[in-house]
Amino acid sequence: MFHVEHIMNLDKSLQQFGLSEKQAKVYLACLELGQDSVLSIARKAEIKRPTAYVTLDELIQKGLIRKVPKDKTTHYAAEDPNILSSVLEQKQSELTKAIPLLKALFNVRTGKPQIRYYEGKEGVRKIYSEWYKSKKYIYFYGSIRDIKKHFPECILDPSHIKKMNIPVLEIVTSHPVDLEYAQVAKKTNNPKHKFRALKKGVVFTLDSAIYDDKLAIVSLKDKFFGIIIESKAIAESYKILYELAWQSAEVV
């Protein structure tokens, strides 16, 4: 006879295989009893008789239990445990066939742009701090003057940008604050950090940055808010527009 702890371990193993707790108990009861009535199986499994009927039918559908006609009644018996291996192999085969479809669904999901919206000063501060952690590149266009006015701590030191060792392009306005920042940055002699400026009188209504396959847009006018769109396709499209704007801007 098996110890209770062994039976409990078998119970858990069968549940990991995919059986419910009741199904595992009924299957083990049938294995121990050989073949018996619903009443005996229910008592052995410690479940109610109506529940035993339902559970036995479920196990029959799974191919783990069979009906055994006896006199005018019906007994039930467990199939050879080896059948569990066959069922497992069948499930593995079905899963293998389903994997390409599952991958396709996953790619559709991951291909969708991930959009995050931020409000208030703290939210905008998070956007600025994120793009300055870029690992690939930063294409910025906006007003250094506006950032300095509202978020002076978010203007990254050009010497730090040099340490980042990534391409950083900035299209700024022709305001003296913006041009002064560009001149300070030039003193770091960083060939990867370049500037261009808009013509006098042309201003930005939004600050934007393209970085690490993301697009960030920030408003510093009436209300502070911004969004980050994470999408390689969108980032690549905006990079093309940025390059067109870069060509038409003036060298600082």
C-alpha atoms as a PDB file:
ATOM      1  CA  MET A   1       0.000   0.000   0.000  1.00  0.00           C
ATOM      2  CA  PHE A   2       1.095   3.540  -0.707  1.00  0.00           C
ATOM      3  CA  HIS A   3       1.602   6.025   2.075  1.00  0.00           C
ATOM      4  CA  VAL A   4      -0.724   9.024   2.149  1.00  0.00           C
ATOM      5  CA  GLU A   5       2.162  11.362   1.286  1.00  0.00           C
ATOM      6  CA  HIS A   6       2.922   9.325  -1.838  1.00  0.00           C
ATOM      7  CA  ILE A   7      -0.713   9.573  -2.942  1.00  0.00           C
ATOM      8  CA  MET A   8      -0.620  13.330  -2.363  1.00  0.00           C
ATOM      9  CA  ASN A   9       2.514  13.623  -4.478  1.00  0.00           C
ATOM     10  CA  LEU A  10       0.855  11.657  -7.276  1.00  0.00           C
ATOM     11  CA  ASP A  11      -2.158  13.923  -6.945  1.00  0.00           C
ATOM     12  CA  LYS A  12       0.005  16.998  -7.466  1.00  0.00           C
ATOM     13  CA  SER A  13       1.866  15.393 -10.366  1.00  0.00           C
ATOM     14  CA  LEU A  14      -1.393  14.679 -12.159  1.00  0.00           C
ATOM     15  CA  GLN A  15      -2.535  18.262 -11.595  1.00  0.00           C
ATOM     16  CA  GLN A  16       0.667  19.496 -13.172  1.00  0.00           C
ATOM     17  CA  PHE A  17      -0.086  17.204 -16.087  1.00  0.00           C
ATOM     18  CA  GLY A  18      -3.310  19.130 -16.595  1.00  0.00           C
ATOM     19  CA  LEU A  19      -5.942  17.381 -14.492  1.00  0.00           C
ATOM     20  CA  SER A  20      -8.095  19.241 -12.006  1.00  0.00           C
ATOM     21  CA  GLU A  21      -7.854  18.317  -8.342  1.00  0.00           C
ATOM     22  CA  LYS A  22     -11.066  16.273  -8.516  1.00  0.00           C
ATOM     23  CA  GLN A  23     -10.018  14.552 -11.735  1.00  0.00           C
ATOM     24  CA  ALA A  24      -6.686  13.571 -10.185  1.00  0.00           C
ATOM     25  CA  LYS A  25      -8.367  12.155  -7.078  1.00  0.00           C
ATOM     26  CA  VAL A  26     -10.899  10.153  -9.099  1.00  0.00           C
ATOM     27  CA  TYR A  27      -8.252   8.770 -11.452  1.00  0.00           C
ATOM     28  CA  LEU A  28      -6.089   7.649  -8.509  1.00  0.00           C
ATOM     29  CA  ALA A  29      -9.126   6.128  -6.812  1.00  0.00           C
ATOM     30  CA  CYS A  30      -9.882   4.113  -9.942  1.00  0.00           C
ATOM     31  CA  LEU A  31      -6.278   2.936 -10.151  1.00  0.00           C
ATOM     32  CA  GLU A  32      -6.382   1.730  -6.549  1.00  0.00           C
ATOM     33  CA  LEU A  33      -9.811   0.087  -6.785  1.00  0.00           C
ATOM     34  CA  GLY A  34      -9.205  -1.634 -10.109  1.00  0.00           C
ATOM     35  CA  GLN A  35     -12.791  -1.367 -11.260  1.00  0.00           C
ATOM     36  CA  ASP A  36     -15.688  -0.362  -9.086  1.00  0.00           C
ATOM     37  CA  SER A  37     -18.970   1.465  -8.789  1.00  0.00           C
ATOM     38  CA  VAL A  38     -19.445   5.214  -8.757  1.00  0.00           C
ATOM     39  CA  LEU A  39     -20.330   5.067  -5.068  1.00  0.00           C
ATOM     40  CA  SER A  40     -17.086   3.295  -4.142  1.00  0.00           C
ATOM     41  CA  ILE A  41     -15.027   5.638  -6.330  1.00  0.00           C
ATOM     42  CA  ALA A  42     -16.702   8.693  -4.801  1.00  0.00           C
ATOM     43  CA  ARG A  43     -15.964   7.460  -1.288  1.00  0.00           C
ATOM     44  CA  LYS A  44     -12.367   6.645  -2.144  1.00  0.00           C
ATOM     45  CA  ALA A  45     -11.852  10.052  -3.777  1.00  0.00           C
ATOM     46  CA  GLU A  46     -13.707  11.752  -0.927  1.00  0.00           C
ATOM     47  CA  ILE A  47     -16.110  13.588  -3.188  1.00  0.00           C
ATOM     48  CA  LYS A  48     -19.885  13.553  -3.581  1.00  0.00           C
ATOM     49  CA  ARG A  49     -21.500  10.966  -5.825  1.00  0.00           C
ATOM     50  CA  PRO A  50     -23.005  13.464  -8.345  1.00  0.00           C
ATOM     51  CA  THR A  51     -19.566  15.107  -8.645  1.00  0.00           C
ATOM     52  CA  ALA A  52     -18.006  11.696  -9.254  1.00  0.00           C
ATOM     53  CA  TYR A  53     -20.350  11.071 -12.210  1.00  0.00           C
ATOM     54  CA  VAL A  54     -19.376  14.383 -13.817  1.00  0.00           C
ATOM     55  CA  THR A  55     -15.669  13.865 -13.145  1.00  0.00           C
ATOM     56  CA  LEU A  56     -15.691  10.303 -14.508  1.00  0.00           C
ATOM     57  CA  ASP A  57     -17.318  11.537 -17.713  1.00  0.00           C
ATOM     58  CA  GLU A  58     -14.579  14.171 -18.025  1.00  0.00           C
ATOM     59  CA  LEU A  59     -11.896  11.507 -17.588  1.00  0.00           C
ATOM     60  CA  ILE A  60     -13.575   9.268 -20.140  1.00  0.00           C
ATOM     61  CA  GLN A  61     -13.380  12.165 -22.617  1.00  0.00           C
ATOM     62  CA  LYS A  62      -9.666  12.429 -21.863  1.00  0.00           C
ATOM     63  CA  GLY A  63      -9.225   8.682 -22.505  1.00  0.00           C
ATOM     64  CA  LEU A  64      -8.085   7.981 -18.941  1.00  0.00           C
ATOM     65  CA  ILE A  65     -11.152   6.072 -17.694  1.00  0.00           C
ATOM     66  CA  ARG A  66     -13.375   3.479 -19.330  1.00  0.00           C
ATOM     67  CA  LYS A  67     -16.817   2.084 -18.506  1.00  0.00           C
ATOM     68  CA  VAL A  68     -17.059  -1.559 -17.554  1.00  0.00           C
ATOM     69  CA  PRO A  69     -20.566  -3.099 -17.837  1.00  0.00           C
ATOM     70  CA  LYS A  70     -21.266  -5.411 -14.905  1.00  0.00           C
ATOM     71  CA  ASP A  71     -24.586  -7.200 -14.418  1.00  0.00           C
ATOM     72  CA  LYS A  72     -27.174  -4.433 -14.509  1.00  0.00           C
ATOM     73  CA  THR A  73     -24.823  -1.699 -13.345  1.00  0.00           C
ATOM     74  CA  THR A  74     -21.817   0.146 -14.701  1.00  0.00           C
ATOM     75  CA  HIS A  75     -18.402   0.076 -13.145  1.00  0.00           C
ATOM     76  CA  TYR A  76     -15.459   2.243 -14.037  1.00  0.00           C
ATOM     77  CA  ALA A  77     -11.787   1.393 -14.468  1.00  0.00           C
ATOM     78  CA  ALA A  78      -8.642   3.384 -15.065  1.00  0.00           C
ATOM     79  CA  GLU A  79      -6.802   2.984 -18.337  1.00  0.00           C
ATOM     80  CA  ASP A  80      -3.136   1.968 -18.317  1.00  0.00           C
ATOM     81  CA  PRO A  81      -1.081   4.919 -16.946  1.00  0.00           C
ATOM     82  CA  ASN A  82       1.125   4.641 -20.046  1.00  0.00           C
ATOM     83  CA  ILE A  83      -1.676   6.404 -21.869  1.00  0.00           C
ATOM     84  CA  LEU A  84      -0.640   9.573 -20.032  1.00  0.00           C
ATOM     85  CA  SER A  85       2.550   9.607 -22.081  1.00  0.00           C
ATOM     86  CA  SER A  86       0.563   9.280 -25.299  1.00  0.00           C
ATOM     87  CA  VAL A  87      -1.761  12.105 -24.284  1.00  0.00           C
ATOM     88  CA  LEU A  88       1.227  14.263 -23.371  1.00  0.00           C
ATOM     89  CA  GLU A  89       2.891  13.543 -26.725  1.00  0.00           C
ATOM     90  CA  GLN A  90      -0.322  14.442 -28.526  1.00  0.00           C
ATOM     91  CA  LYS A  91      -0.556  17.728 -26.621  1.00  0.00           C
ATOM     92  CA  GLN A  92       3.097  18.458 -27.421  1.00  0.00           C
ATOM     93  CA  SER A  93       2.408  17.800 -31.099  1.00  0.00           C
ATOM     94  CA  GLU A  94      -0.626  20.088 -31.062  1.00  0.00           C
ATOM     95  CA  LEU A  95       1.367  22.811 -29.297  1.00  0.00           C
ATOM     96  CA  THR A  96       4.217  22.504 -31.823  1.00  0.00           C
ATOM     97  CA  LYS A  97       1.731  23.013 -34.656  1.00  0.00           C
ATOM     98  CA  ALA A  98       0.218  26.011 -32.860  1.00  0.00           C
ATOM     99  CA  ILE A  99       3.525  27.790 -32.148  1.00  0.00           C
ATOM    100  CA  PRO A 100       3.781  29.508 -35.595  1.00  0.00           C
ATOM    101  CA  LEU A 101       0.303  30.973 -35.115  1.00  0.00           C
ATOM    102  CA  LEU A 102       1.121  32.018 -31.556  1.00  0.00           C
ATOM    103  CA  LYS A 103       4.285  33.726 -32.805  1.00  0.00           C
ATOM    104  CA  ALA A 104       2.295  35.524 -35.486  1.00  0.00           C
ATOM    105  CA  LEU A 105      -0.125  36.828 -32.874  1.00  0.00           C
ATOM    106  CA  PHE A 106       2.800  37.869 -30.683  1.00  0.00           C
ATOM    107  CA  ASN A 107       4.429  39.774 -33.554  1.00  0.00           C
ATOM    108  CA  VAL A 108       1.178  41.592 -34.271  1.00  0.00           C
ATOM    109  CA  ARG A 109       0.973  42.651 -30.639  1.00  0.00           C
ATOM    110  CA  THR A 110       4.603  43.691 -30.347  1.00  0.00           C
ATOM    111  CA  GLY A 111       4.427  45.516 -33.666  1.00  0.00           C
ATOM    112  CA  LYS A 112       1.829  47.927 -32.341  1.00  0.00           C
ATOM    113  CA  PRO A 113       3.102  51.312 -31.153  1.00  0.00           C
ATOM    114  CA  GLN A 114       3.386  51.622 -27.395  1.00  0.00           C
ATOM    115  CA  ILE A 115       2.056  55.036 -26.357  1.00  0.00           C
ATOM    116  CA  ARG A 116       2.593  56.682 -22.971  1.00  0.00           C
ATOM    117  CA  TYR A 117       0.974  59.955 -21.992  1.00  0.00           C
ATOM    118  CA  TYR A 118       2.319  62.309 -19.314  1.00  0.00           C
ATOM    119  CA  GLU A 119       0.825  65.374 -17.656  1.00  0.00           C
ATOM    120  CA  GLY A 120       2.175  68.093 -15.386  1.00  0.00           C
ATOM    121  CA  LYS A 121       5.706  69.160 -14.624  1.00  0.00           C
ATOM    122  CA  GLU A 122       6.726  65.834 -13.145  1.00  0.00           C
ATOM    123  CA  GLY A 123       5.425  63.968 -16.179  1.00  0.00           C
ATOM    124  CA  VAL A 124       7.309  66.189 -18.622  1.00  0.00           C
ATOM    125  CA  ARG A 125      10.434  65.918 -16.491  1.00  0.00           C
ATOM    126  CA  LYS A 126      10.255  62.129 -16.883  1.00  0.00           C
ATOM    127  CA  ILE A 127      10.144  62.476 -20.663  1.00  0.00           C
ATOM    128  CA  TYR A 128      13.239  64.691 -20.761  1.00  0.00           C
ATOM    129  CA  SER A 129      15.141  62.425 -18.382  1.00  0.00           C
ATOM    130  CA  GLU A 130      14.287  59.359 -20.478  1.00  0.00           C
ATOM    131  CA  TRP A 131      15.573  60.581 -23.796  1.00  0.00           C
ATOM    132  CA  TYR A 132      18.835  61.661 -22.207  1.00  0.00           C
ATOM    133  CA  LYS A 133      19.364  57.985 -21.331  1.00  0.00           C
ATOM    134  CA  SER A 134      19.374  57.045 -25.004  1.00  0.00           C
ATOM    135  CA  LYS A 135      21.801  54.319 -26.117  1.00  0.00           C
ATOM    136  CA  LYS A 136      21.648  54.819 -29.906  1.00  0.00           C
ATOM    137  CA  TYR A 137      20.998  58.411 -30.972  1.00  0.00           C
ATOM    138  CA  ILE A 138      19.073  61.603 -30.187  1.00  0.00           C
ATOM    139  CA  TYR A 139      17.522  63.850 -32.850  1.00  0.00           C
ATOM    140  CA  PHE A 140      16.145  66.884 -31.021  1.00  0.00           C
ATOM    141  CA  TYR A 141      14.288  69.935 -32.250  1.00  0.00           C
ATOM    142  CA  GLY A 142      12.854  72.519 -29.925  1.00  0.00           C
ATOM    143  CA  SER A 143      13.467  75.567 -27.813  1.00  0.00           C
ATOM    144  CA  ILE A 144      16.373  75.455 -25.371  1.00  0.00           C
ATOM    145  CA  ARG A 145      15.098  78.761 -23.994  1.00  0.00           C
ATOM    146  CA  ASP A 146      11.717  77.224 -23.050  1.00  0.00           C
ATOM    147  CA  ILE A 147      13.352  74.190 -21.456  1.00  0.00           C
ATOM    148  CA  LYS A 148      15.749  76.413 -19.500  1.00  0.00           C
ATOM    149  CA  LYS A 149      12.827  78.552 -18.308  1.00  0.00           C
ATOM    150  CA  HIS A 150      10.705  75.682 -16.992  1.00  0.00           C
ATOM    151  CA  PHE A 151      13.113  72.737 -16.561  1.00  0.00           C
ATOM    152  CA  PRO A 152      16.676  74.049 -16.266  1.00  0.00           C
ATOM    153  CA  GLU A 153      17.772  70.806 -14.605  1.00  0.00           C
ATOM    154  CA  CYS A 154      16.754  68.885 -17.748  1.00  0.00           C
ATOM    155  CA  ILE A 155      19.256  70.646 -20.028  1.00  0.00           C
ATOM    156  CA  LEU A 156      21.999  68.099 -20.273  1.00  0.00           C
ATOM    157  CA  ASP A 157      25.581  69.234 -19.952  1.00  0.00           C
ATOM    158  CA  PRO A 158      27.293  68.930 -23.383  1.00  0.00           C
ATOM    159  CA  SER A 159      30.252  67.274 -21.680  1.00  0.00           C
ATOM    160  CA  HIS A 160      27.904  64.532 -20.501  1.00  0.00           C
ATOM    161  CA  ILE A 161      26.557  64.153 -24.021  1.00  0.00           C
ATOM    162  CA  LYS A 162      30.144  63.626 -25.174  1.00  0.00           C
ATOM    163  CA  LYS A 163      30.510  60.784 -22.673  1.00  0.00           C
ATOM    164  CA  MET A 164      27.338  59.170 -24.059  1.00  0.00           C
ATOM    165  CA  ASN A 165      29.270  58.672 -27.313  1.00  0.00           C
ATOM    166  CA  ILE A 166      26.207  58.596 -29.560  1.00  0.00           C
ATOM    167  CA  PRO A 167      25.096  60.852 -32.454  1.00  0.00           C
ATOM    168  CA  VAL A 168      23.178  63.848 -31.089  1.00  0.00           C
ATOM    169  CA  LEU A 169      21.683  66.310 -33.563  1.00  0.00           C
ATOM    170  CA  GLU A 170      19.860  69.419 -32.360  1.00  0.00           C
ATOM    171  CA  ILE A 171      17.777  71.857 -34.356  1.00  0.00           C
ATOM    172  CA  VAL A 172      17.218  74.887 -32.134  1.00  0.00           C
ATOM    173  CA  THR A 173      15.726  78.346 -32.564  1.00  0.00           C
ATOM    174  CA  SER A 174      17.728  81.481 -33.310  1.00  0.00           C
ATOM    175  CA  HIS A 175      17.054  82.886 -29.859  1.00  0.00           C
ATOM    176  CA  PRO A 176      20.271  83.982 -28.074  1.00  0.00           C
ATOM    177  CA  VAL A 177      19.762  81.407 -25.306  1.00  0.00           C
ATOM    178  CA  ASP A 178      19.622  78.584 -27.868  1.00  0.00           C
ATOM    179  CA  LEU A 179      22.631  79.860 -29.791  1.00  0.00           C
ATOM    180  CA  GLU A 180      24.647  80.333 -26.624  1.00  0.00           C
ATOM    181  CA  TYR A 181      23.963  76.715 -25.647  1.00  0.00           C
ATOM    182  CA  ALA A 182      25.152  75.593 -29.078  1.00  0.00           C
ATOM    183  CA  GLN A 183      28.384  77.545 -28.742  1.00  0.00           C
ATOM    184  CA  VAL A 184      29.083  76.091 -25.290  1.00  0.00           C
ATOM    185  CA  ALA A 185      28.489  72.602 -26.682  1.00  0.00           C
ATOM    186  CA  LYS A 186      30.915  73.227 -29.537  1.00  0.00           C
ATOM    187  CA  LYS A 187      33.724  73.859 -27.053  1.00  0.00           C
ATOM    188  CA  THR A 188      33.599  70.177 -26.025  1.00  0.00           C
ATOM    189  CA  ASN A 189      34.913  69.286 -29.495  1.00  0.00           C
ATOM    190  CA  ASN A 190      32.426  66.455 -29.825  1.00  0.00           C
ATOM    191  CA  PRO A 191      32.106  65.567 -33.536  1.00  0.00           C
ATOM    192  CA  LYS A 192      28.939  63.552 -32.807  1.00  0.00           C
ATOM    193  CA  HIS A 193      27.114  66.528 -31.274  1.00  0.00           C
ATOM    194  CA  LYS A 194      25.934  68.868 -34.042  1.00  0.00           C
ATOM    195  CA  PHE A 195      23.643  71.889 -34.237  1.00  0.00           C
ATOM    196  CA  ARG A 196      21.515  73.684 -36.750  1.00  0.00           C
ATOM    197  CA  ALA A 197      19.184  76.638 -36.160  1.00  0.00           C
ATOM    198  CA  LEU A 198      15.900  77.849 -37.590  1.00  0.00           C
ATOM    199  CA  LYS A 199      15.716  81.166 -39.371  1.00  0.00           C
ATOM    200  CA  LYS A 200      15.031  84.196 -37.183  1.00  0.00           C
ATOM    201  CA  GLY A 201      11.394  84.612 -36.313  1.00  0.00           C
ATOM    202  CA  VAL A 202      10.598  80.889 -36.684  1.00  0.00           C
ATOM    203  CA  VAL A 203       9.757  79.238 -33.358  1.00  0.00           C
ATOM    204  CA  PHE A 204       8.756  75.788 -32.156  1.00  0.00           C
ATOM    205  CA  THR A 205       5.383  75.269 -30.495  1.00  0.00           C
ATOM    206  CA  LEU A 206       6.481  71.825 -29.307  1.00  0.00           C
ATOM    207  CA  ASP A 207       9.730  70.178 -28.284  1.00  0.00           C
ATOM    208  CA  SER A 208      10.395  66.803 -29.881  1.00  0.00           C
ATOM    209  CA  ALA A 209      13.048  64.142 -29.854  1.00  0.00           C
ATOM    210  CA  ILE A 210      13.586  60.953 -31.797  1.00  0.00           C
ATOM    211  CA  TYR A 211      15.707  58.446 -29.885  1.00  0.00           C
ATOM    212  CA  ASP A 212      16.131  54.674 -29.597  1.00  0.00           C
ATOM    213  CA  ASP A 213      13.158  53.929 -31.898  1.00  0.00           C
ATOM    214  CA  LYS A 214      10.955  56.298 -29.900  1.00  0.00           C
ATOM    215  CA  LEU A 215       9.328  59.637 -30.581  1.00  0.00           C
ATOM    216  CA  ALA A 216       8.756  62.084 -27.721  1.00  0.00           C
ATOM    217  CA  ILE A 217       6.629  65.218 -28.063  1.00  0.00           C
ATOM    218  CA  VAL A 218       6.377  67.796 -25.288  1.00  0.00           C
ATOM    219  CA  SER A 219       4.256  70.922 -24.888  1.00  0.00           C
ATOM    220  CA  LEU A 220       5.543  73.692 -22.613  1.00  0.00           C
ATOM    221  CA  LYS A 221       2.936  76.286 -23.506  1.00  0.00           C
ATOM    222  CA  ASP A 222      -0.414  76.586 -21.707  1.00  0.00           C
ATOM    223  CA  LYS A 223      -0.264  73.179 -20.036  1.00  0.00           C
ATOM    224  CA  PHE A 224       2.634  70.821 -19.491  1.00  0.00           C
ATOM    225  CA  PHE A 225       2.039  67.486 -21.179  1.00  0.00           C
ATOM    226  CA  GLY A 226       3.727  65.064 -23.512  1.00  0.00           C
ATOM    227  CA  ILE A 227       3.680  61.643 -25.121  1.00  0.00           C
ATOM    228  CA  ILE A 228       6.214  58.972 -25.925  1.00  0.00           C
ATOM    229  CA  ILE A 229       5.493  56.711 -28.893  1.00  0.00           C
ATOM    230  CA  GLU A 230       7.625  53.588 -29.081  1.00  0.00           C
ATOM    231  CA  SER A 231       7.626  52.284 -32.638  1.00  0.00           C
ATOM    232  CA  LYS A 232      10.574  51.616 -34.925  1.00  0.00           C
ATOM    233  CA  ALA A 233       8.473  52.371 -38.020  1.00  0.00           C
ATOM    234  CA  ILE A 234       7.267  55.716 -36.674  1.00  0.00           C
ATOM    235  CA  ALA A 235      10.731  56.678 -35.427  1.00  0.00           C
ATOM    236  CA  GLU A 236      12.280  55.872 -38.829  1.00  0.00           C
ATOM    237  CA  SER A 237       9.633  57.961 -40.622  1.00  0.00           C
ATOM    238  CA  TYR A 238      10.221  60.940 -38.351  1.00  0.00           C
ATOM    239  CA  LYS A 239      13.986  60.589 -38.798  1.00  0.00           C
ATOM    240  CA  ILE A 240      13.489  61.099 -42.541  1.00  0.00           C
ATOM    241  CA  LEU A 241      11.447  64.248 -41.874  1.00  0.00           C
ATOM    242  CA  TYR A 242      14.085  65.382 -39.402  1.00  0.00           C
ATOM    243  CA  GLU A 243      16.848  64.967 -41.960  1.00  0.00           C
ATOM    244  CA  LEU A 244      14.876  67.119 -44.420  1.00  0.00           C
ATOM    245  CA  ALA A 245      14.469  69.799 -41.755  1.00  0.00           C
ATOM    246  CA  TRP A 246      18.190  69.498 -40.920  1.00  0.00           C
ATOM    247  CA  GLN A 247      19.169  70.209 -44.511  1.00  0.00           C
ATOM    248  CA  SER A 248      17.073  73.363 -44.643  1.00  0.00           C
ATOM    249  CA  ALA A 249      18.211  74.697 -41.232  1.00  0.00           C
ATOM    250  CA  GLU A 250      21.204  76.999 -40.851  1.00  0.00           C
ATOM    251  CA  VAL A 251      24.558  75.788 -39.595  1.00  0.00           C
ATOM    252  CA  VAL A 252      25.357  77.195 -36.152  1.00  0.00           C
END
